[in-house]
Amino acid sequence: MGRRAVLAANLALAAAILPAAPAAAQAAKGAATEGERLFREHGCYGCHTLGKMGTPIAPDLSKVGAKHNAAYFVNWLKDPSSQRPTAHMPAIKMTDAEAQALAAFLSSQR
């Protein structure tokens, strides 16, 4: 393959990837925004602190995204006691989409 063919292939690949990057970032931001709404709606701040908001009964979540990824949070939110049998966190009824949005919000906390 000549230089021009390699350059053309690289440009085509970049063109295919780059337009998707802002869209993916926007989707992640939208999920995190929805997750923040759910954090408030479900009353998570009643036990957890996040910045200056909340009650310091359970762990502070201000930097929890540096410790765990969104997949971990989805599993945790669906069934905390399966992740840690001694967990005091109640299982919260939510849809898969809600769990994913809340997980996106928590994983964005750094």
C-alpha atoms as a PDB file:
ATOM      1  CA  MET A   1       0.000   0.000   0.000  1.00  0.00           C
ATOM      2  CA  GLY A   2       1.447   3.365  -1.012  1.00  0.00           C
ATOM      3  CA  ARG A   3       1.688   6.496   1.103  1.00  0.00           C
ATOM      4  CA  ARG A   4      -1.353   8.058  -0.522  1.00  0.00           C
ATOM      5  CA  ALA A   5      -3.469   4.993   0.130  1.00  0.00           C
ATOM      6  CA  VAL A   6      -2.379   4.903   3.779  1.00  0.00           C
ATOM      7  CA  LEU A   7      -3.069   8.634   4.156  1.00  0.00           C
ATOM      8  CA  ALA A   8      -6.478   8.267   2.514  1.00  0.00           C
ATOM      9  CA  ALA A   9      -7.344   5.339   4.771  1.00  0.00           C
ATOM     10  CA  ASN A  10      -6.271   7.281   7.870  1.00  0.00           C
ATOM     11  CA  LEU A  11      -8.297  10.337   6.828  1.00  0.00           C
ATOM     12  CA  ALA A  12     -11.361   8.198   6.177  1.00  0.00           C
ATOM     13  CA  LEU A  13     -10.981   6.553   9.566  1.00  0.00           C
ATOM     14  CA  ALA A  14     -10.573   9.920  11.311  1.00  0.00           C
ATOM     15  CA  ALA A  15     -13.631  11.306   9.545  1.00  0.00           C
ATOM     16  CA  ALA A  16     -15.641   8.297  10.649  1.00  0.00           C
ATOM     17  CA  ILE A  17     -14.536   8.551  14.282  1.00  0.00           C
ATOM     18  CA  LEU A  18     -14.349  12.284  14.956  1.00  0.00           C
ATOM     19  CA  PRO A  19     -17.981  13.209  14.300  1.00  0.00           C
ATOM     20  CA  ALA A  20     -19.065  10.480  16.730  1.00  0.00           C
ATOM     21  CA  ALA A  21     -16.832  11.687  19.564  1.00  0.00           C
ATOM     22  CA  PRO A  22     -18.781  14.890  20.318  1.00  0.00           C
ATOM     23  CA  ALA A  23     -22.061  12.978  20.066  1.00  0.00           C
ATOM     24  CA  ALA A  24     -20.812  10.332  22.500  1.00  0.00           C
ATOM     25  CA  ALA A  25     -19.581  12.997  24.902  1.00  0.00           C
ATOM     26  CA  GLN A  26     -22.946  14.771  24.673  1.00  0.00           C
ATOM     27  CA  ALA A  27     -24.798  11.500  25.360  1.00  0.00           C
ATOM     28  CA  ALA A  28     -22.604  10.819  28.407  1.00  0.00           C
ATOM     29  CA  LYS A  29     -23.228  14.342  29.680  1.00  0.00           C
ATOM     30  CA  GLY A  30     -26.976  13.888  29.198  1.00  0.00           C
ATOM     31  CA  ALA A  31     -26.929  10.594  31.113  1.00  0.00           C
ATOM     32  CA  ALA A  32     -24.953  12.187  33.959  1.00  0.00           C
ATOM     33  CA  THR A  33     -27.429  15.098  34.088  1.00  0.00           C
ATOM     34  CA  GLU A  34     -30.321  12.640  34.295  1.00  0.00           C
ATOM     35  CA  GLY A  35     -28.378  10.718  36.953  1.00  0.00           C
ATOM     36  CA  GLU A  36     -27.984  13.865  39.033  1.00  0.00           C
ATOM     37  CA  ARG A  37     -31.745  14.389  38.862  1.00  0.00           C
ATOM     38  CA  LEU A  38     -32.280  10.805  40.007  1.00  0.00           C
ATOM     39  CA  PHE A  39     -29.755  11.265  42.839  1.00  0.00           C
ATOM     40  CA  ARG A  40     -31.929  14.081  44.136  1.00  0.00           C
ATOM     41  CA  GLU A  41     -35.271  12.415  43.330  1.00  0.00           C
ATOM     42  CA  HIS A  42     -34.400   9.165  45.113  1.00  0.00           C
ATOM     43  CA  GLY A  43     -33.082  11.083  48.124  1.00  0.00           C
ATOM     44  CA  CYS A  44     -29.546   9.698  47.989  1.00  0.00           C
ATOM     45  CA  TYR A  45     -28.367  12.886  49.700  1.00  0.00           C
ATOM     46  CA  GLY A  46     -30.338  11.778  52.773  1.00  0.00           C
ATOM     47  CA  CYS A  47     -27.440   9.486  53.652  1.00  0.00           C
ATOM     48  CA  HIS A  48     -24.592  10.471  51.320  1.00  0.00           C
ATOM     49  CA  THR A  49     -22.727  13.723  50.886  1.00  0.00           C
ATOM     50  CA  LEU A  50     -21.767  15.066  47.500  1.00  0.00           C
ATOM     51  CA  GLY A  51     -19.839  18.290  47.729  1.00  0.00           C
ATOM     52  CA  LYS A  52     -21.690  20.483  50.222  1.00  0.00           C
ATOM     53  CA  MET A  53     -25.007  18.679  49.716  1.00  0.00           C
ATOM     54  CA  GLY A  54     -26.209  15.818  51.855  1.00  0.00           C
ATOM     55  CA  THR A  55     -25.960  14.087  55.193  1.00  0.00           C
ATOM     56  CA  PRO A  56     -22.742  12.379  56.315  1.00  0.00           C
ATOM     57  CA  ILE A  57     -24.269   9.049  57.386  1.00  0.00           C
ATOM     58  CA  ALA A  58     -22.991   6.946  54.483  1.00  0.00           C
ATOM     59  CA  PRO A  59     -19.788   7.419  52.439  1.00  0.00           C
ATOM     60  CA  ASP A  60     -19.045  10.733  50.718  1.00  0.00           C
ATOM     61  CA  LEU A  61     -19.567  10.362  46.968  1.00  0.00           C
ATOM     62  CA  SER A  62     -17.735  13.515  45.860  1.00  0.00           C
ATOM     63  CA  LYS A  63     -14.826  11.589  44.303  1.00  0.00           C
ATOM     64  CA  VAL A  64     -16.320   8.122  44.005  1.00  0.00           C
ATOM     65  CA  GLY A  65     -15.929   8.111  40.201  1.00  0.00           C
ATOM     66  CA  ALA A  66     -12.153   7.960  40.639  1.00  0.00           C
ATOM     67  CA  LYS A  67     -12.559   4.623  42.443  1.00  0.00           C
ATOM     68  CA  HIS A  68     -15.203   2.811  40.392  1.00  0.00           C
ATOM     69  CA  ASN A  69     -16.559   2.797  36.843  1.00  0.00           C
ATOM     70  CA  ALA A  70     -20.160   3.021  35.684  1.00  0.00           C
ATOM     71  CA  ALA A  71     -20.527  -0.770  35.286  1.00  0.00           C
ATOM     72  CA  TYR A  72     -19.642  -1.243  38.957  1.00  0.00           C
ATOM     73  CA  PHE A  73     -22.231   1.345  39.977  1.00  0.00           C
ATOM     74  CA  VAL A  74     -24.976  -0.266  37.878  1.00  0.00           C
ATOM     75  CA  ASN A  75     -24.421  -3.577  39.695  1.00  0.00           C
ATOM     76  CA  TRP A  76     -24.199  -1.814  43.065  1.00  0.00           C
ATOM     77  CA  LEU A  77     -27.400   0.163  42.537  1.00  0.00           C
ATOM     78  CA  LYS A  78     -29.379  -2.867  41.430  1.00  0.00           C
ATOM     79  CA  ASP A  79     -28.419  -4.990  44.437  1.00  0.00           C
ATOM     80  CA  PRO A  80     -26.004  -3.500  46.987  1.00  0.00           C
ATOM     81  CA  SER A  81     -26.038  -6.569  49.230  1.00  0.00           C
ATOM     82  CA  SER A  82     -24.833  -8.784  46.366  1.00  0.00           C
ATOM     83  CA  GLN A  83     -21.749  -6.574  46.087  1.00  0.00           C
ATOM     84  CA  ARG A  84     -21.219  -6.308  49.845  1.00  0.00           C
ATOM     85  CA  PRO A  85     -23.387  -8.494  52.114  1.00  0.00           C
ATOM     86  CA  THR A  86     -22.931  -6.103  55.061  1.00  0.00           C
ATOM     87  CA  ALA A  87     -24.068  -3.063  53.054  1.00  0.00           C
ATOM     88  CA  HIS A  88     -26.631  -0.894  54.789  1.00  0.00           C
ATOM     89  CA  MET A  89     -27.793   0.691  51.554  1.00  0.00           C
ATOM     90  CA  PRO A  90     -31.323  -0.306  50.589  1.00  0.00           C
ATOM     91  CA  ALA A  91     -32.136  -1.688  47.175  1.00  0.00           C
ATOM     92  CA  ILE A  92     -33.785   1.142  45.240  1.00  0.00           C
ATOM     93  CA  LYS A  93     -36.452   0.311  42.696  1.00  0.00           C
ATOM     94  CA  MET A  94     -35.379   1.768  39.371  1.00  0.00           C
ATOM     95  CA  THR A  95     -35.332   0.815  35.730  1.00  0.00           C
ATOM     96  CA  ASP A  96     -32.168  -0.295  33.970  1.00  0.00           C
ATOM     97  CA  ALA A  97     -32.032   3.088  32.211  1.00  0.00           C
ATOM     98  CA  GLU A  98     -32.307   4.907  35.542  1.00  0.00           C
ATOM     99  CA  ALA A  99     -29.558   2.742  37.066  1.00  0.00           C
ATOM    100  CA  GLN A 100     -27.323   3.479  34.070  1.00  0.00           C
ATOM    101  CA  ALA A 101     -27.981   7.223  34.295  1.00  0.00           C
ATOM    102  CA  LEU A 102     -27.305   7.309  38.035  1.00  0.00           C
ATOM    103  CA  ALA A 103     -24.171   5.218  37.454  1.00  0.00           C
ATOM    104  CA  ALA A 104     -23.025   7.722  34.794  1.00  0.00           C
ATOM    105  CA  PHE A 105     -23.498  10.543  37.290  1.00  0.00           C
ATOM    106  CA  LEU A 106     -21.631   8.745  40.071  1.00  0.00           C
ATOM    107  CA  SER A 107     -18.769   7.737  37.795  1.00  0.00           C
ATOM    108  CA  SER A 108     -18.397  11.374  36.728  1.00  0.00           C
ATOM    109  CA  GLN A 109     -17.689  12.439  40.323  1.00  0.00           C
ATOM    110  CA  ARG A 110     -13.923  12.910  40.477  1.00  0.00           C
END
